[in-house]
Amino acid sequence: MKIGQWIGILLVLQCMILIGQWTGSTGYVSTAGAQVPDAGAQRIQMIQELKDMNGKMDNLIRLLEGGNLQVKVAKSDESKGNPPGR
């Protein structure tokens, strides 16, 4: 093909791209609707979860400060049958 034909093909393709942009066609990809359904309800739920977690932490702190905590260490299943060492 001659250079003139290549330039003509490129010119036609460029025109098609410009026409597509001017007409505003979305093409094959649909727009994403990424909106939070109810942001207020999610915030209320997060606040409630944080309050629950604070209550659990208070119970844990009370238990640790009381001094009546016993810890038992058990060997894990992975160490059974393995020789000592790394």
N, C-alpha and C. Protein backbone atom coordinates (compact mmCIF):
# COMPACT_ATOMS: atom_id res chain seq x y z
N MET A 1 0.85 -1.18 0.00
CA MET A 1 0.00 0.00 0.00
C MET A 1 0.89 1.24 0.00
N LYS A 2 0.39 2.24 -0.61
CA LYS A 2 1.15 3.49 -0.67
C LYS A 2 0.92 4.29 0.60
N ILE A 3 1.81 5.23 0.81
CA ILE A 3 1.75 6.10 2.00
C ILE A 3 0.43 6.87 2.02
N GLY A 4 -0.05 7.29 0.89
CA GLY A 4 -1.30 8.05 0.80
C GLY A 4 -2.49 7.25 1.30
N GLN A 5 -2.50 5.95 0.99
CA GLN A 5 -3.60 5.11 1.45
C GLN A 5 -3.56 4.93 2.97
N TRP A 6 -2.35 4.74 3.54
CA TRP A 6 -2.22 4.63 4.99
C TRP A 6 -2.67 5.90 5.69
N ILE A 7 -2.29 7.03 5.12
CA ILE A 7 -2.70 8.31 5.71
C ILE A 7 -4.21 8.45 5.65
N GLY A 8 -4.81 8.01 4.55
CA GLY A 8 -6.27 8.06 4.42
C GLY A 8 -6.96 7.18 5.45
N ILE A 9 -6.43 5.98 5.66
CA ILE A 9 -7.02 5.06 6.65
C ILE A 9 -6.91 5.66 8.05
N LEU A 10 -5.75 6.22 8.38
CA LEU A 10 -5.56 6.83 9.69
C LEU A 10 -6.48 8.03 9.88
N LEU A 11 -6.68 8.80 8.81
CA LEU A 11 -7.57 9.96 8.89
C LEU A 11 -9.01 9.53 9.15
N VAL A 12 -9.45 8.46 8.49
CA VAL A 12 -10.81 7.96 8.70
C VAL A 12 -10.97 7.47 10.14
N LEU A 13 -9.98 6.74 10.64
CA LEU A 13 -10.06 6.25 12.02
C LEU A 13 -10.08 7.39 13.03
N GLN A 14 -9.27 8.40 12.80
CA GLN A 14 -9.27 9.57 13.69
C GLN A 14 -10.63 10.25 13.68
N CYS A 15 -11.23 10.38 12.51
CA CYS A 15 -12.56 11.00 12.41
C CYS A 15 -13.60 10.19 13.16
N MET A 16 -13.51 8.87 13.07
CA MET A 16 -14.47 8.03 13.79
C MET A 16 -14.33 8.19 15.30
N ILE A 17 -13.10 8.32 15.77
CA ILE A 17 -12.87 8.52 17.20
C ILE A 17 -13.45 9.86 17.64
N LEU A 18 -13.21 10.91 16.86
CA LEU A 18 -13.74 12.23 17.21
C LEU A 18 -15.25 12.25 17.20
N ILE A 19 -15.87 11.62 16.23
CA ILE A 19 -17.33 11.58 16.17
C ILE A 19 -17.88 10.84 17.39
N GLY A 20 -17.21 9.75 17.77
CA GLY A 20 -17.64 9.01 18.95
C GLY A 20 -17.55 9.84 20.21
N GLN A 21 -16.53 10.66 20.33
CA GLN A 21 -16.39 11.51 21.50
C GLN A 21 -17.40 12.63 21.50
N TRP A 22 -17.69 13.20 20.35
CA TRP A 22 -18.65 14.31 20.29
C TRP A 22 -20.08 13.85 20.54
N THR A 23 -20.42 12.69 20.07
CA THR A 23 -21.79 12.21 20.26
C THR A 23 -22.01 11.70 21.68
N GLY A 24 -20.94 11.42 22.40
CA GLY A 24 -21.05 11.01 23.79
C GLY A 24 -21.49 9.58 23.95
N SER A 25 -21.26 8.75 22.97
CA SER A 25 -21.65 7.35 23.10
C SER A 25 -20.78 6.70 24.17
N THR A 26 -21.41 5.86 25.00
CA THR A 26 -20.68 5.23 26.10
C THR A 26 -19.96 3.98 25.65
N GLY A 27 -20.28 3.48 24.51
CA GLY A 27 -19.60 2.28 24.03
C GLY A 27 -20.16 1.04 24.67
N TYR A 28 -19.31 0.06 24.89
CA TYR A 28 -19.74 -1.22 25.42
C TYR A 28 -19.72 -1.27 26.94
N VAL A 29 -19.11 -0.29 27.57
CA VAL A 29 -18.96 -0.29 29.02
C VAL A 29 -20.08 0.54 29.63
N SER A 30 -20.78 -0.05 30.59
CA SER A 30 -21.83 0.70 31.27
C SER A 30 -21.21 1.49 32.42
N THR A 31 -21.88 2.54 32.82
CA THR A 31 -21.37 3.37 33.91
C THR A 31 -21.60 2.64 35.24
N ALA A 32 -20.69 2.82 36.15
CA ALA A 32 -20.76 2.15 37.44
C ALA A 32 -21.53 3.03 38.41
N GLY A 33 -22.48 2.44 39.09
CA GLY A 33 -23.23 3.16 40.11
C GLY A 33 -22.71 2.79 41.48
N ALA A 34 -21.58 3.32 41.85
CA ALA A 34 -20.91 2.93 43.10
C ALA A 34 -21.26 3.90 44.21
N GLN A 35 -22.52 3.92 44.57
CA GLN A 35 -22.94 4.78 45.66
C GLN A 35 -23.31 3.92 46.85
N VAL A 36 -23.07 4.45 48.03
CA VAL A 36 -23.41 3.74 49.25
C VAL A 36 -24.92 3.79 49.41
N PRO A 37 -25.57 2.65 49.61
CA PRO A 37 -27.03 2.64 49.70
C PRO A 37 -27.56 3.53 50.82
N ASP A 38 -27.01 3.40 52.00
CA ASP A 38 -27.48 4.22 53.11
C ASP A 38 -26.30 4.49 54.03
N ALA A 39 -25.64 5.60 53.81
CA ALA A 39 -24.43 5.92 54.58
C ALA A 39 -24.74 6.14 56.05
N GLY A 40 -25.89 6.74 56.34
CA GLY A 40 -26.25 7.00 57.74
C GLY A 40 -26.42 5.72 58.54
N ALA A 41 -27.07 4.74 57.93
CA ALA A 41 -27.28 3.46 58.62
C ALA A 41 -25.95 2.74 58.83
N GLN A 42 -25.06 2.86 57.88
CA GLN A 42 -23.75 2.23 58.04
C GLN A 42 -22.96 2.89 59.16
N ARG A 43 -23.05 4.18 59.27
CA ARG A 43 -22.34 4.88 60.35
C ARG A 43 -22.92 4.50 61.71
N ILE A 44 -24.24 4.41 61.78
CA ILE A 44 -24.87 4.01 63.05
C ILE A 44 -24.43 2.61 63.43
N GLN A 45 -24.35 1.71 62.47
CA GLN A 45 -23.91 0.35 62.74
C GLN A 45 -22.45 0.32 63.19
N MET A 46 -21.59 1.14 62.55
CA MET A 46 -20.19 1.21 62.96
C MET A 46 -20.07 1.72 64.40
N ILE A 47 -20.84 2.73 64.74
CA ILE A 47 -20.79 3.28 66.10
C ILE A 47 -21.23 2.23 67.11
N GLN A 48 -22.29 1.47 66.77
CA GLN A 48 -22.76 0.43 67.68
C GLN A 48 -21.71 -0.66 67.86
N GLU A 49 -21.05 -1.05 66.76
CA GLU A 49 -20.00 -2.06 66.85
C GLU A 49 -18.83 -1.56 67.71
N LEU A 50 -18.48 -0.29 67.58
CA LEU A 50 -17.40 0.27 68.40
C LEU A 50 -17.78 0.29 69.87
N LYS A 51 -19.05 0.60 70.17
CA LYS A 51 -19.51 0.58 71.57
C LYS A 51 -19.43 -0.83 72.13
N ASP A 52 -19.84 -1.82 71.33
CA ASP A 52 -19.76 -3.22 71.77
C ASP A 52 -18.30 -3.62 72.03
N MET A 53 -17.41 -3.20 71.15
CA MET A 53 -16.01 -3.55 71.31
C MET A 53 -15.42 -2.86 72.54
N ASN A 54 -15.82 -1.62 72.81
CA ASN A 54 -15.35 -0.94 74.02
C ASN A 54 -15.81 -1.67 75.27
N GLY A 55 -17.05 -2.19 75.25
CA GLY A 55 -17.55 -2.95 76.40
C GLY A 55 -16.74 -4.22 76.62
N LYS A 56 -16.41 -4.90 75.53
CA LYS A 56 -15.61 -6.12 75.65
C LYS A 56 -14.21 -5.80 76.17
N MET A 57 -13.64 -4.70 75.71
CA MET A 57 -12.32 -4.30 76.19
C MET A 57 -12.36 -3.95 77.67
N ASP A 58 -13.44 -3.30 78.11
CA ASP A 58 -13.57 -2.98 79.54
C ASP A 58 -13.62 -4.25 80.37
N ASN A 59 -14.36 -5.26 79.89
CA ASN A 59 -14.41 -6.54 80.61
C ASN A 59 -13.03 -7.19 80.68
N LEU A 60 -12.30 -7.13 79.59
CA LEU A 60 -10.96 -7.72 79.55
C LEU A 60 -10.01 -6.98 80.50
N ILE A 61 -10.10 -5.67 80.54
CA ILE A 61 -9.24 -4.88 81.44
C ILE A 61 -9.58 -5.20 82.89
N ARG A 62 -10.89 -5.31 83.22
CA ARG A 62 -11.29 -5.67 84.58
C ARG A 62 -10.74 -7.04 84.97
N LEU A 63 -10.78 -7.98 84.04
CA LEU A 63 -10.27 -9.32 84.30
C LEU A 63 -8.77 -9.29 84.55
N LEU A 64 -8.04 -8.54 83.75
CA LEU A 64 -6.58 -8.46 83.91
C LEU A 64 -6.19 -7.72 85.18
N GLU A 65 -6.93 -6.67 85.53
CA GLU A 65 -6.60 -5.92 86.74
C GLU A 65 -6.98 -6.68 88.00
N GLY A 66 -7.94 -7.61 87.90
CA GLY A 66 -8.37 -8.37 89.07
C GLY A 66 -7.31 -9.33 89.58
N GLY A 67 -6.42 -9.78 88.72
CA GLY A 67 -5.35 -10.66 89.15
C GLY A 67 -5.75 -12.13 89.25
N ASN A 68 -6.95 -12.49 88.89
CA ASN A 68 -7.41 -13.87 88.97
C ASN A 68 -7.39 -14.54 87.60
N LEU A 69 -6.31 -14.38 86.92
CA LEU A 69 -6.20 -14.92 85.57
C LEU A 69 -5.22 -16.07 85.56
N GLN A 70 -5.64 -17.19 85.00
CA GLN A 70 -4.76 -18.35 84.89
C GLN A 70 -4.57 -18.65 83.41
N VAL A 71 -3.34 -18.89 83.04
CA VAL A 71 -3.02 -19.18 81.65
C VAL A 71 -2.44 -20.58 81.58
N LYS A 72 -2.99 -21.40 80.70
CA LYS A 72 -2.47 -22.75 80.47
C LYS A 72 -1.93 -22.80 79.06
N VAL A 73 -0.71 -23.30 78.92
CA VAL A 73 -0.08 -23.40 77.62
C VAL A 73 -0.11 -24.85 77.20
N ALA A 74 -0.66 -25.11 76.03
CA ALA A 74 -0.71 -26.47 75.50
C ALA A 74 0.13 -26.52 74.24
N LYS A 75 0.74 -27.69 74.02
CA LYS A 75 1.54 -27.84 72.81
C LYS A 75 0.61 -27.89 71.61
N SER A 76 1.06 -27.31 70.53
CA SER A 76 0.25 -27.31 69.33
C SER A 76 0.33 -28.66 68.64
N ASP A 77 -0.63 -28.95 67.78
CA ASP A 77 -0.65 -30.21 67.04
C ASP A 77 0.50 -30.31 66.06
N GLU A 78 1.00 -29.19 65.61
CA GLU A 78 2.09 -29.19 64.61
C GLU A 78 3.38 -29.75 65.20
N SER A 79 3.60 -29.53 66.50
CA SER A 79 4.86 -29.96 67.09
C SER A 79 4.87 -31.45 67.42
N LYS A 80 3.73 -32.10 67.40
CA LYS A 80 3.67 -33.52 67.69
C LYS A 80 4.30 -34.32 66.56
N GLY A 81 5.23 -35.16 66.87
CA GLY A 81 5.86 -36.00 65.87
C GLY A 81 7.02 -35.33 65.17
N ASN A 82 7.24 -34.06 65.34
CA ASN A 82 8.37 -33.37 64.73
C ASN A 82 9.54 -33.38 65.71
N PRO A 83 10.75 -33.59 65.22
CA PRO A 83 11.91 -33.53 66.12
C PRO A 83 12.14 -32.10 66.60
N PRO A 84 12.70 -31.95 67.80
CA PRO A 84 12.95 -30.58 68.30
C PRO A 84 14.00 -29.89 67.46
N GLY A 85 13.88 -28.60 67.39
CA GLY A 85 14.82 -27.79 66.60
C GLY A 85 14.08 -27.08 65.48
N ARG A 86 14.88 -26.43 64.66
CA ARG A 86 14.26 -25.66 63.58
C ARG A 86 14.27 -26.41 62.34
